[in-house]
Amino acid sequence: MKNKIAVAFVFSAFLAIPAFASDVRCEAQMKIQAAVEIARANGISVVTSAECDDARWEVEGRNAQNQRIEVHIAPNDGRVLGVRRDD
C-alpha cells in the first residue's frame, strides 16, 4: 500500500504541477511548489489542482484514505488558513 501511495505521489508531482493555474498576486509572494508542499504537509497525498483564488492558494487533492481535501494557504507567510475534508 505504501508503495502505491509513493508511486501516486511521485507521478502526480511530475504531471500535475505544470497544469496548475498560476496567479501573479500569489506567485509574487510564494511559488506554487511551496504551496503544494505545505498542502502535502497538511494531509494531501495526491494533488489534483492548485490555484490562486481570493488572494490565497487553494490546493485540492486526496488524502491517504482517498478522501477529498482542500487546503487554503496565505501566500505572504505560508500560514494555513483552513483545511476542508469531504467524507
Protein backbone atom coordinates (compact mmCIF):
# COMPACT_ATOMS: atom_id res chain seq x y z
CA MET A 1 0.00 0.00 0.00
CA LYS A 2 2.79 2.43 0.86
CA ASN A 3 4.43 1.74 -2.49
CA LYS A 4 1.21 2.59 -4.32
CA ILE A 5 0.91 5.88 -2.42
CA ALA A 6 4.56 6.71 -3.10
CA VAL A 7 4.15 5.98 -6.81
CA ALA A 8 0.98 8.10 -6.98
CA PHE A 9 2.74 10.89 -5.12
CA VAL A 10 5.74 10.94 -7.46
CA PHE A 11 3.56 10.53 -10.54
CA SER A 12 1.23 13.37 -9.54
CA ALA A 13 4.14 15.63 -8.61
CA PHE A 14 5.57 15.48 -12.13
CA LEU A 15 2.34 15.53 -14.09
CA ALA A 16 0.06 17.81 -12.11
CA ILE A 17 2.24 20.80 -11.24
CA PRO A 18 2.68 22.11 -14.82
CA ALA A 19 -1.10 22.09 -15.29
CA PHE A 20 -1.83 24.29 -12.29
CA ALA A 21 -3.23 27.74 -12.78
CA SER A 22 -0.86 30.49 -11.71
CA ASP A 23 -1.72 33.94 -10.46
CA VAL A 24 0.77 36.79 -10.32
CA ARG A 25 -0.55 38.02 -6.96
CA CYS A 26 0.21 34.72 -5.22
CA GLU A 27 3.32 33.81 -7.24
CA ALA A 28 4.96 37.12 -6.32
CA GLN A 29 4.82 36.11 -2.64
CA MET A 30 5.05 32.30 -2.73
CA LYS A 31 5.74 29.89 -5.57
CA ILE A 32 3.14 27.26 -6.33
CA GLN A 33 5.56 24.44 -5.47
CA ALA A 34 5.92 25.82 -1.92
CA ALA A 35 2.12 25.96 -1.54
CA VAL A 36 1.83 22.36 -2.74
CA GLU A 37 4.46 21.21 -0.21
CA ILE A 38 2.58 22.97 2.62
CA ALA A 39 -0.64 21.28 1.49
CA ARG A 40 1.07 17.89 1.45
CA ALA A 41 2.33 18.51 4.99
CA ASN A 42 -1.31 19.09 5.95
CA GLY A 43 -2.73 15.85 4.61
CA ILE A 44 -2.86 15.93 0.82
CA SER A 45 -1.29 12.81 -0.69
CA VAL A 46 -2.28 13.34 -4.33
CA VAL A 47 -2.68 16.89 -5.63
CA THR A 48 -5.38 17.39 -8.25
CA SER A 49 -5.30 21.20 -8.57
CA ALA A 50 -3.79 24.35 -7.18
CA GLU A 51 -4.78 27.90 -7.95
CA CYS A 52 -4.75 31.38 -6.54
CA ASP A 53 -8.27 32.45 -5.62
CA ASP A 54 -9.25 35.42 -3.44
CA ALA A 55 -5.54 36.22 -2.94
CA ARG A 56 -4.77 32.83 -1.36
CA TRP A 57 -3.51 29.49 -2.62
CA GLU A 58 -6.17 26.78 -2.79
CA VAL A 59 -4.70 23.32 -3.17
CA GLU A 60 -7.08 20.40 -3.73
CA GLY A 61 -6.45 16.67 -3.78
CA ARG A 62 -6.93 13.41 -1.92
CA ASN A 63 -5.55 12.21 1.39
CA ALA A 64 -4.16 8.74 2.21
CA GLN A 65 -7.73 7.47 2.80
CA ASN A 66 -8.74 8.73 -0.67
CA GLN A 67 -10.97 11.47 0.76
CA ARG A 68 -11.15 14.84 -0.97
CA ILE A 69 -9.24 17.55 0.86
CA GLU A 70 -8.71 21.26 0.22
CA VAL A 71 -6.04 23.40 1.91
CA HIS A 72 -6.10 27.22 1.84
CA ILE A 73 -2.72 28.92 2.28
CA ALA A 74 -1.73 32.57 2.77
CA PRO A 75 0.89 33.35 0.12
CA ASN A 76 2.60 36.06 2.14
CA ASP A 77 3.68 33.83 5.04
CA GLY A 78 2.68 30.22 4.23
CA ARG A 79 0.16 30.10 7.04
CA VAL A 80 -2.59 27.50 6.63
CA LEU A 81 -5.88 29.39 6.64
CA GLY A 82 -8.07 26.31 6.59
CA VAL A 83 -8.37 22.64 5.74
CA ARG A 84 -11.60 21.14 4.43
CA ARG A 85 -12.12 17.40 4.17
CA ASP A 86 -15.06 15.81 2.37
CA ASP A 87 -16.18 12.42 3.63
